[in-house]
Amino acid sequence: MSGVTLNIQPDAEGLAQAAADLISEQVRVNPSLSILVATGNTPMPTYAELARRVTAGTVDFSRVTAVQLDEYLGVSDDDPRSLWGWMRRSFVEPLRIMRTVRLESPAQFAAAVADLGGLDLAILGLGPNGHLGFNEPPSPPGAPTRTLELTPASLESNAVYWGDLAVPAGAITAGMDVILAARQALLLVSGAHKRDILHTALEGPQTPDVPASLLRRTALTVIADGAAWG
């Protein structure tokens, strides 16, 4: 794991505090930080802790740009499954962020990221099959921002979020090329069900068959709870 910073916390609360510390420090160093923002259950306590700090006045996100990582196809803004809506409610609004980049089409997104000068920080979760965003395996390092069909593993893992609503079969995702070009990557991993894929991503071959393994090519910090590390 050469070049990887590994931070193991005893529980999900410790993970959230450690991740919030890292993100807050990055914003203090660069108030105009551009951040690629994952949704999902794991980063939510981190975002809640950041919101608490914003309310307390200890960190200011007003000049940060929040960049959408992924989205389902065919969902409206008022659909509860909208990942744009989830990012807005959990990150953009609580952190009082004024600037956003929405993922609407590959060409629009590539131009917007280029205008930012690339991404400073990519906040990522770890999919059960090693996917990042919706970069399903196999996803080589140069995989671009694109639309794609979700794998059965991703459909199953996403079903926990939506109750009786079906998981949309199609999605658009920021590409591996965008993610791996970020100046820093932060991978947040929680729960025993992620233990095997986390070890595979960090200790196995770097391969498109486990897209998260390619993060070892970047300036990567992994913050995991004890259950995920084992």
Protein backbone atom coordinates (compact mmCIF):
# COMPACT_ATOMS: atom_id res chain seq x y z
CA MET A 1 0.00 0.00 0.00
CA SER A 2 2.85 2.37 -0.82
CA GLY A 3 1.62 5.96 -0.84
CA VAL A 4 -1.71 5.15 0.80
CA THR A 5 -2.55 6.78 4.13
CA LEU A 6 -4.68 4.35 6.14
CA ASN A 7 -6.63 5.64 9.14
CA ILE A 8 -8.59 3.02 11.07
CA GLN A 9 -11.16 4.33 13.53
CA PRO A 10 -12.94 2.25 16.18
CA ASP A 11 -16.43 3.01 14.92
CA ALA A 12 -18.53 5.03 12.48
CA GLU A 13 -18.49 8.08 14.77
CA GLY A 14 -14.71 8.09 14.82
CA LEU A 15 -14.68 7.72 11.04
CA ALA A 16 -16.93 10.77 10.68
CA GLN A 17 -14.79 12.88 13.00
CA ALA A 18 -11.54 11.91 11.26
CA ALA A 19 -12.99 12.53 7.81
CA ALA A 20 -14.46 15.87 8.85
CA ASP A 21 -11.07 16.87 10.28
CA LEU A 22 -9.34 16.10 6.97
CA ILE A 23 -11.93 17.87 4.83
CA SER A 24 -12.08 20.89 7.14
CA GLU A 25 -8.30 21.27 7.05
CA GLN A 26 -8.31 21.07 3.24
CA VAL A 27 -10.92 23.85 3.11
CA ARG A 28 -8.95 26.00 5.53
CA VAL A 29 -5.84 25.63 3.36
CA ASN A 30 -7.79 26.25 0.15
CA PRO A 31 -11.16 27.96 0.73
CA SER A 32 -11.97 27.58 -3.00
CA LEU A 33 -11.64 23.80 -2.89
CA SER A 34 -13.45 21.78 -5.56
CA ILE A 35 -14.89 18.59 -4.06
CA LEU A 36 -16.36 15.56 -5.82
CA VAL A 37 -19.16 14.44 -3.51
CA ALA A 38 -20.32 10.86 -2.95
CA THR A 39 -23.72 10.03 -1.54
CA GLY A 40 -24.64 6.73 0.15
CA ASN A 41 -24.92 5.92 3.84
CA THR A 42 -21.23 5.93 4.81
CA PRO A 43 -20.42 9.64 4.29
CA MET A 44 -23.63 10.97 5.83
CA PRO A 45 -22.27 11.23 9.42
CA THR A 46 -19.21 13.04 8.03
CA TYR A 47 -21.40 15.56 6.23
CA ALA A 48 -23.51 16.02 9.37
CA GLU A 49 -20.35 16.75 11.39
CA LEU A 50 -19.18 19.25 8.76
CA ALA A 51 -22.58 20.94 8.92
CA ARG A 52 -22.24 21.20 12.70
CA ARG A 53 -18.87 22.89 12.27
CA VAL A 54 -20.24 25.29 9.66
CA THR A 55 -23.07 26.25 12.02
CA ALA A 56 -20.54 26.72 14.82
CA GLY A 57 -18.44 28.97 12.60
CA THR A 58 -15.28 26.88 12.79
CA VAL A 59 -15.08 26.26 9.02
CA ASP A 60 -16.45 28.14 6.00
CA PHE A 61 -17.56 26.30 2.84
CA SER A 62 -19.04 29.34 1.10
CA ARG A 63 -16.34 29.41 -1.61
CA VAL A 64 -16.20 25.63 -2.10
CA THR A 65 -17.51 24.06 -5.32
CA ALA A 66 -19.43 20.81 -4.83
CA VAL A 67 -19.27 18.49 -7.83
CA GLN A 68 -21.78 15.69 -8.37
CA LEU A 69 -20.29 12.19 -8.64
CA ASP A 70 -23.13 10.19 -10.15
CA GLU A 71 -26.83 10.11 -10.94
CA TYR A 72 -29.54 7.72 -12.02
CA LEU A 73 -30.99 8.19 -15.48
CA GLY A 74 -34.60 9.17 -15.90
CA VAL A 75 -35.28 10.59 -12.42
CA SER A 76 -36.66 14.08 -11.88
CA ASP A 77 -35.36 16.55 -9.31
CA ASP A 78 -38.32 15.86 -7.03
CA ASP A 79 -37.90 12.08 -7.24
CA PRO A 80 -36.69 10.76 -3.85
CA ARG A 81 -34.14 8.66 -5.74
CA SER A 82 -32.44 11.72 -7.26
CA LEU A 83 -28.79 11.69 -6.20
CA TRP A 84 -28.60 15.39 -7.02
CA GLY A 85 -31.36 15.95 -4.47
CA TRP A 86 -29.55 13.77 -1.93
CA MET A 87 -26.30 15.69 -2.41
CA ARG A 88 -28.12 19.00 -2.14
CA ARG A 89 -29.91 18.05 1.08
CA SER A 90 -26.97 16.38 2.82
CA PHE A 91 -24.00 18.47 1.65
CA VAL A 92 -24.71 21.58 -0.37
CA GLU A 93 -27.44 23.19 1.73
CA PRO A 94 -26.21 22.25 5.26
CA LEU A 95 -22.68 23.43 4.40
CA ARG A 96 -24.03 26.64 2.82
CA ILE A 97 -22.25 25.96 -0.46
CA MET A 98 -22.97 28.46 -3.24
CA ARG A 99 -21.18 26.82 -6.18
CA THR A 100 -22.07 23.45 -7.66
CA VAL A 101 -21.38 21.38 -10.76
CA ARG A 102 -24.23 19.11 -11.72
CA LEU A 103 -23.58 15.93 -13.70
CA GLU A 104 -25.97 16.24 -16.63
CA SER A 105 -24.05 15.00 -19.68
CA PRO A 106 -20.50 13.79 -20.35
CA ALA A 107 -19.58 16.82 -22.47
CA GLN A 108 -21.10 19.38 -20.08
CA PHE A 109 -19.41 17.75 -17.08
CA ALA A 110 -15.98 17.52 -18.73
CA ALA A 111 -16.13 21.20 -19.65
CA ALA A 112 -17.20 22.20 -16.13
CA VAL A 113 -14.41 20.20 -14.48
CA ALA A 114 -11.89 21.67 -16.91
CA ASP A 115 -13.10 25.16 -16.02
CA LEU A 116 -12.38 24.34 -12.37
CA GLY A 117 -8.84 23.31 -13.25
CA GLY A 118 -9.63 19.74 -12.19
CA LEU A 119 -10.77 18.47 -8.82
CA ASP A 120 -8.96 19.13 -5.57
CA LEU A 121 -10.60 16.41 -3.49
CA ALA A 122 -12.69 13.36 -4.37
CA ILE A 123 -14.82 12.01 -1.51
CA LEU A 124 -15.69 8.43 -2.39
CA GLY A 125 -17.46 5.39 -1.03
CA LEU A 126 -16.57 1.82 -1.85
CA GLY A 127 -19.04 -0.28 -3.81
CA PRO A 128 -19.48 -3.96 -2.94
CA ASN A 129 -17.87 -4.94 -6.25
CA GLY A 130 -15.19 -2.27 -5.99
CA HIS A 131 -16.99 0.35 -8.04
CA LEU A 132 -16.39 4.07 -7.56
CA GLY A 133 -19.39 6.22 -8.30
CA PHE A 134 -21.04 4.04 -10.90
CA ASN A 135 -17.79 2.99 -12.57
CA GLU A 136 -18.68 -0.68 -12.72
CA PRO A 137 -16.01 -3.33 -13.21
CA PRO A 138 -14.20 -3.46 -15.50
CA SER A 139 -13.40 0.25 -15.57
CA PRO A 140 -9.89 1.10 -16.79
CA PRO A 141 -8.06 4.23 -15.62
CA GLY A 142 -9.07 6.15 -18.73
CA ALA A 143 -12.77 5.32 -18.51
CA PRO A 144 -14.56 8.60 -19.26
CA THR A 145 -17.65 10.19 -17.80
CA ARG A 146 -20.47 8.20 -19.39
CA THR A 147 -23.88 6.60 -19.13
CA LEU A 148 -24.06 2.89 -18.38
CA GLU A 149 -26.24 0.05 -17.14
CA LEU A 150 -25.83 -0.89 -13.48
CA THR A 151 -24.68 -4.38 -12.53
CA PRO A 152 -26.86 -6.70 -10.41
CA ALA A 153 -24.49 -6.10 -7.47
CA SER A 154 -25.00 -2.34 -7.68
CA LEU A 155 -28.75 -2.67 -8.10
CA GLU A 156 -28.86 -4.85 -4.99
CA SER A 157 -26.67 -2.56 -2.89
CA ASN A 158 -28.63 0.54 -3.91
CA ALA A 159 -31.99 -1.05 -3.17
CA VAL A 160 -31.52 -0.44 0.57
CA TYR A 161 -31.90 3.31 0.00
CA TRP A 162 -35.26 3.41 -1.74
CA GLY A 163 -37.69 1.12 0.07
CA ASP A 164 -40.43 0.01 -2.32
CA LEU A 165 -39.12 2.12 -5.19
CA ALA A 166 -37.19 0.30 -7.91
CA VAL A 167 -33.54 1.15 -8.45
CA PRO A 168 -33.18 2.74 -11.92
CA ALA A 169 -31.22 0.45 -14.21
CA GLY A 170 -29.21 3.20 -15.89
CA ALA A 171 -26.87 5.83 -14.52
CA ILE A 172 -24.33 8.48 -15.44
CA THR A 173 -21.05 8.66 -13.58
CA ALA A 174 -17.97 10.82 -13.37
CA GLY A 175 -15.31 8.79 -15.13
CA MET A 176 -12.29 7.08 -13.70
CA ASP A 177 -10.20 9.62 -15.61
CA VAL A 178 -11.77 12.46 -13.58
CA ILE A 179 -11.56 10.61 -10.25
CA LEU A 180 -7.95 9.53 -10.65
CA ALA A 181 -6.92 13.04 -11.71
CA ALA A 182 -8.17 14.55 -8.44
CA ARG A 183 -5.32 16.02 -6.42
CA GLN A 184 -6.41 14.01 -3.40
CA ALA A 185 -8.81 11.09 -2.93
CA LEU A 186 -10.60 10.26 0.32
CA LEU A 187 -12.14 6.79 0.50
CA LEU A 188 -14.61 6.26 3.36
CA VAL A 189 -15.48 2.66 4.28
CA SER A 190 -17.76 1.42 7.04
CA GLY A 191 -19.13 -1.96 8.05
CA ALA A 192 -18.06 -5.59 8.06
CA HIS A 193 -19.79 -6.19 4.73
CA LYS A 194 -17.08 -4.05 3.08
CA ARG A 195 -14.15 -5.87 4.67
CA ASP A 196 -13.30 -8.26 1.84
CA ILE A 197 -13.57 -5.69 -0.94
CA LEU A 198 -11.57 -3.14 1.05
CA HIS A 199 -8.68 -5.56 1.50
CA THR A 200 -8.90 -6.55 -2.15
CA ALA A 201 -8.79 -2.91 -3.23
CA LEU A 202 -5.80 -2.07 -1.03
CA GLU A 203 -3.81 -5.32 -1.12
CA GLY A 204 -4.74 -7.07 -4.36
CA PRO A 205 -3.63 -6.28 -7.92
CA GLN A 206 -4.37 -2.86 -9.36
CA THR A 207 -6.92 -3.87 -11.94
CA PRO A 208 -9.94 -2.46 -13.81
CA ASP A 209 -11.83 -5.46 -12.42
CA VAL A 210 -11.68 -3.70 -9.03
CA PRO A 211 -11.89 0.00 -9.95
CA ALA A 212 -11.17 1.11 -6.38
CA SER A 213 -7.78 -0.61 -6.54
CA LEU A 214 -6.72 2.03 -9.09
CA LEU A 215 -6.96 4.71 -6.39
CA ARG A 216 -3.57 3.51 -5.20
CA ARG A 217 -2.16 5.49 -8.14
CA THR A 218 -3.36 8.71 -6.50
CA ALA A 219 -2.71 10.62 -3.28
CA LEU A 220 -5.14 8.40 -1.38
CA THR A 221 -6.34 8.54 2.21
CA VAL A 222 -8.54 5.69 3.40
CA ILE A 223 -10.57 6.18 6.57
CA ALA A 224 -12.34 3.01 7.69
CA ASP A 225 -14.00 1.82 10.85
CA GLY A 226 -12.77 -1.26 12.67
CA ALA A 227 -15.56 -3.43 11.30
CA ALA A 228 -14.54 -2.67 7.72
CA TRP A 229 -10.86 -3.33 8.36
CA GLY A 230 -11.33 -6.38 10.56
